[in-house]
Amino acid sequence: MILGLLTRTPMTGYDIKQTFDKEKAEFWTAPFSQIYPELNRMLKTNLISLLEIPEENSRKKTYQITTNGQKFFKEWLLQPLAPNVLEISNDDFILRLHFLGKEHKDTLNQLLNLRCRTLKVEIAQLELELAEVVHHPEQLGRELIIEKELSNKKIDVKLWNKEITRDQH
């Protein structure tokens, strides 16, 4: 996520935190205690560098992505999804989806297809769980949670399939 954000513009650690909170709060939180060590790791591996800004507060560090970092990020973003890969985690899916543009439509469609397959497996598992829970009235709360999760996953499948078929017309 940090590399992806830095492909847009150089940022301070504070800017990165604010962007995380604004764009990704629904999916992730990233405390400063996680962001700064990651920035230091990326500095050491030459994925990012410090941007020299004269006249600025000397304690304020602005980070920019290096050519090495851009290459690394692009390879990760566009890595082909191997045919033997049967599932993709929601976190990996959302992160890649966040940075794929219209110019990467083939990769996007592969990603959407894979996520739909993953969701269908999860839906089947939830339906089995729901079939078991409905016979236990003392687990009404759990039944409601499963139904909500099923509903969300079915809506996602419908949305992603709609996007995939839109390109085919």
Protein backbone atom coordinates (compact mmCIF):
# COMPACT_ATOMS: atom_id res chain seq x y z
CA MET A 1 0.00 0.00 0.00
CA ILE A 2 2.79 2.41 0.89
CA LEU A 3 4.60 1.83 -2.41
CA GLY A 4 1.35 2.25 -4.29
CA LEU A 5 0.65 5.55 -2.56
CA LEU A 6 4.16 6.77 -3.31
CA THR A 7 3.66 6.04 -7.03
CA ARG A 8 1.21 8.94 -6.95
CA THR A 9 3.35 11.54 -5.21
CA PRO A 10 6.11 11.90 -2.60
CA MET A 11 4.68 11.85 0.93
CA THR A 12 5.67 12.18 4.56
CA GLY A 13 4.87 9.43 7.04
CA TYR A 14 2.07 11.64 8.32
CA ASP A 15 0.67 12.04 4.78
CA ILE A 16 0.76 8.26 4.31
CA LYS A 17 -1.12 7.74 7.58
CA GLN A 18 -3.76 10.31 6.60
CA THR A 19 -4.23 8.68 3.19
CA PHE A 20 -4.53 5.24 4.80
CA ASP A 21 -7.20 6.63 7.10
CA LYS A 22 -9.05 8.31 4.24
CA GLU A 23 -8.84 5.62 1.54
CA LYS A 24 -8.44 2.35 3.40
CA ALA A 25 -10.08 2.77 6.81
CA GLU A 26 -12.89 0.46 5.73
CA PHE A 27 -10.40 -2.36 5.06
CA TRP A 28 -7.26 -1.69 7.11
CA THR A 29 -5.82 0.53 9.74
CA ALA A 30 -2.18 1.41 9.74
CA PRO A 31 -0.80 2.97 12.91
CA PHE A 32 2.36 5.08 12.83
CA SER A 33 4.06 2.25 14.72
CA GLN A 34 3.57 0.10 11.61
CA ILE A 35 4.17 2.74 8.92
CA TYR A 36 7.54 4.10 10.10
CA PRO A 37 9.29 0.73 10.51
CA GLU A 38 8.02 -0.24 7.06
CA LEU A 39 9.33 3.03 5.60
CA ASN A 40 12.73 2.33 7.20
CA ARG A 41 12.75 -1.20 5.77
CA MET A 42 11.94 0.12 2.31
CA LEU A 43 14.67 2.77 2.62
CA LYS A 44 17.22 0.06 3.45
CA THR A 45 16.15 -2.06 0.48
CA ASN A 46 16.20 0.90 -1.92
CA LEU A 47 12.49 0.75 -2.73
CA ILE A 48 12.09 4.34 -1.56
CA SER A 49 14.40 7.26 -0.87
CA LEU A 50 14.25 10.51 1.04
CA LEU A 51 13.36 13.58 -0.97
CA GLU A 52 15.55 16.56 -0.18
CA ILE A 53 13.37 19.60 0.37
CA PRO A 54 15.28 22.77 1.21
CA GLU A 55 13.69 25.30 3.57
CA GLU A 56 11.47 22.64 5.16
CA ASN A 57 11.52 21.58 8.78
CA SER A 58 14.66 19.42 8.99
CA ARG A 59 12.84 16.79 11.08
CA LYS A 60 10.14 16.29 8.47
CA LYS A 61 11.04 13.46 6.08
CA THR A 62 9.43 13.17 2.67
CA TYR A 63 9.65 9.80 0.95
CA GLN A 64 9.59 9.08 -2.76
CA ILE A 65 9.51 5.81 -4.63
CA THR A 66 12.72 4.82 -6.43
CA THR A 67 12.97 3.27 -9.88
CA ASN A 68 13.63 -0.01 -8.07
CA GLY A 69 10.47 0.51 -6.00
CA GLN A 70 8.38 1.32 -9.08
CA LYS A 71 9.60 -1.83 -10.80
CA PHE A 72 8.93 -3.95 -7.71
CA PHE A 73 5.43 -2.51 -7.27
CA LYS A 74 4.48 -2.88 -10.94
CA GLU A 75 5.69 -6.50 -11.03
CA TRP A 76 3.62 -7.29 -7.95
CA LEU A 77 0.55 -5.46 -9.26
CA LEU A 78 0.61 -7.07 -12.70
CA GLN A 79 1.92 -10.49 -11.77
CA PRO A 80 -0.09 -13.01 -13.67
CA LEU A 81 -2.43 -15.11 -11.66
CA ALA A 82 -1.24 -18.67 -12.08
CA PRO A 83 -3.89 -21.14 -13.30
CA ASN A 84 -3.24 -23.35 -10.28
CA VAL A 85 -4.09 -20.49 -7.87
CA LEU A 86 -7.62 -21.22 -6.72
CA GLU A 87 -8.19 -18.52 -4.11
CA ILE A 88 -7.19 -14.96 -3.31
CA SER A 89 -7.51 -13.37 0.09
CA ASN A 90 -9.77 -10.36 0.44
CA ASP A 91 -6.84 -8.19 1.57
CA ASP A 92 -4.67 -9.05 -1.44
CA PHE A 93 -7.66 -8.64 -3.75
CA ILE A 94 -8.66 -5.22 -2.38
CA LEU A 95 -5.09 -3.92 -2.40
CA ARG A 96 -4.45 -4.92 -6.00
CA LEU A 97 -7.89 -3.73 -7.07
CA HIS A 98 -7.18 -0.35 -5.48
CA PHE A 99 -4.24 0.32 -7.80
CA LEU A 100 -5.32 -1.31 -11.09
CA GLY A 101 -6.38 1.15 -13.77
CA LYS A 102 -8.25 0.83 -17.06
CA GLU A 103 -4.98 0.15 -18.87
CA HIS A 104 -4.69 -3.12 -16.91
CA LYS A 105 -8.14 -4.49 -17.78
CA ASP A 106 -6.90 -8.05 -18.53
CA THR A 107 -5.21 -8.31 -15.14
CA LEU A 108 -8.27 -6.79 -13.50
CA ASN A 109 -10.58 -9.35 -15.11
CA GLN A 110 -8.29 -12.22 -14.04
CA LEU A 111 -8.36 -10.84 -10.52
CA LEU A 112 -12.15 -10.46 -10.53
CA ASN A 113 -12.63 -14.02 -11.86
CA LEU A 114 -10.35 -15.43 -9.18
CA ARG A 115 -12.13 -13.48 -6.45
CA CYS A 116 -15.52 -14.72 -7.70
CA ARG A 117 -14.29 -18.33 -7.54
CA THR A 118 -13.02 -17.73 -4.00
CA LEU A 119 -16.30 -16.14 -2.95
CA LYS A 120 -18.33 -19.04 -4.37
CA VAL A 121 -16.36 -21.47 -2.21
CA GLU A 122 -16.89 -19.23 0.82
CA ILE A 123 -20.62 -18.96 0.03
CA ALA A 124 -20.95 -22.75 -0.15
CA GLN A 125 -19.21 -23.09 3.23
CA LEU A 126 -21.47 -20.45 4.79
CA GLU A 127 -24.59 -22.11 3.39
CA LEU A 128 -23.56 -25.40 5.01
CA GLU A 129 -22.93 -23.61 8.28
CA LEU A 130 -26.29 -21.84 8.04
CA ALA A 131 -28.11 -25.13 7.38
CA GLU A 132 -26.65 -26.46 10.61
CA VAL A 133 -27.34 -23.36 12.72
CA VAL A 134 -31.02 -22.97 11.79
CA HIS A 135 -31.79 -26.10 13.80
CA HIS A 136 -30.44 -24.44 16.94
CA PRO A 137 -32.70 -21.56 18.03
CA GLU A 138 -30.22 -20.64 20.78
CA GLN A 139 -27.81 -19.59 17.99
CA LEU A 140 -30.10 -17.00 16.37
CA GLY A 141 -27.41 -14.32 16.61
CA ARG A 142 -24.90 -16.53 14.81
CA GLU A 143 -27.56 -17.30 12.17
CA LEU A 144 -28.05 -13.57 11.55
CA ILE A 145 -24.29 -13.02 11.23
CA ILE A 146 -23.99 -15.86 8.71
CA GLU A 147 -26.94 -14.52 6.70
CA LYS A 148 -25.36 -11.05 6.59
CA GLU A 149 -22.03 -12.48 5.47
CA LEU A 150 -23.77 -14.59 2.81
CA SER A 151 -25.64 -11.57 1.54
CA ASN A 152 -22.44 -9.48 1.33
CA LYS A 153 -20.53 -12.20 -0.54
CA LYS A 154 -23.40 -12.76 -3.01
CA ILE A 155 -23.58 -9.03 -3.72
CA ASP A 156 -19.81 -8.98 -4.35
CA VAL A 157 -20.07 -11.90 -6.80
CA LYS A 158 -22.89 -10.14 -8.65
CA LEU A 159 -20.92 -6.88 -8.83
CA TRP A 160 -17.66 -8.47 -9.98
CA ASN A 161 -19.45 -10.65 -12.57
CA LYS A 162 -21.24 -7.57 -13.90
CA GLU A 163 -17.89 -5.83 -14.35
CA ILE A 164 -16.38 -8.85 -16.11
CA THR A 165 -19.30 -9.27 -18.52
CA ARG A 166 -19.44 -5.53 -19.26
CA ASP A 167 -16.12 -5.87 -21.07
CA GLN A 168 -17.32 -8.81 -23.11
CA HIS A 169 -20.11 -6.79 -24.78
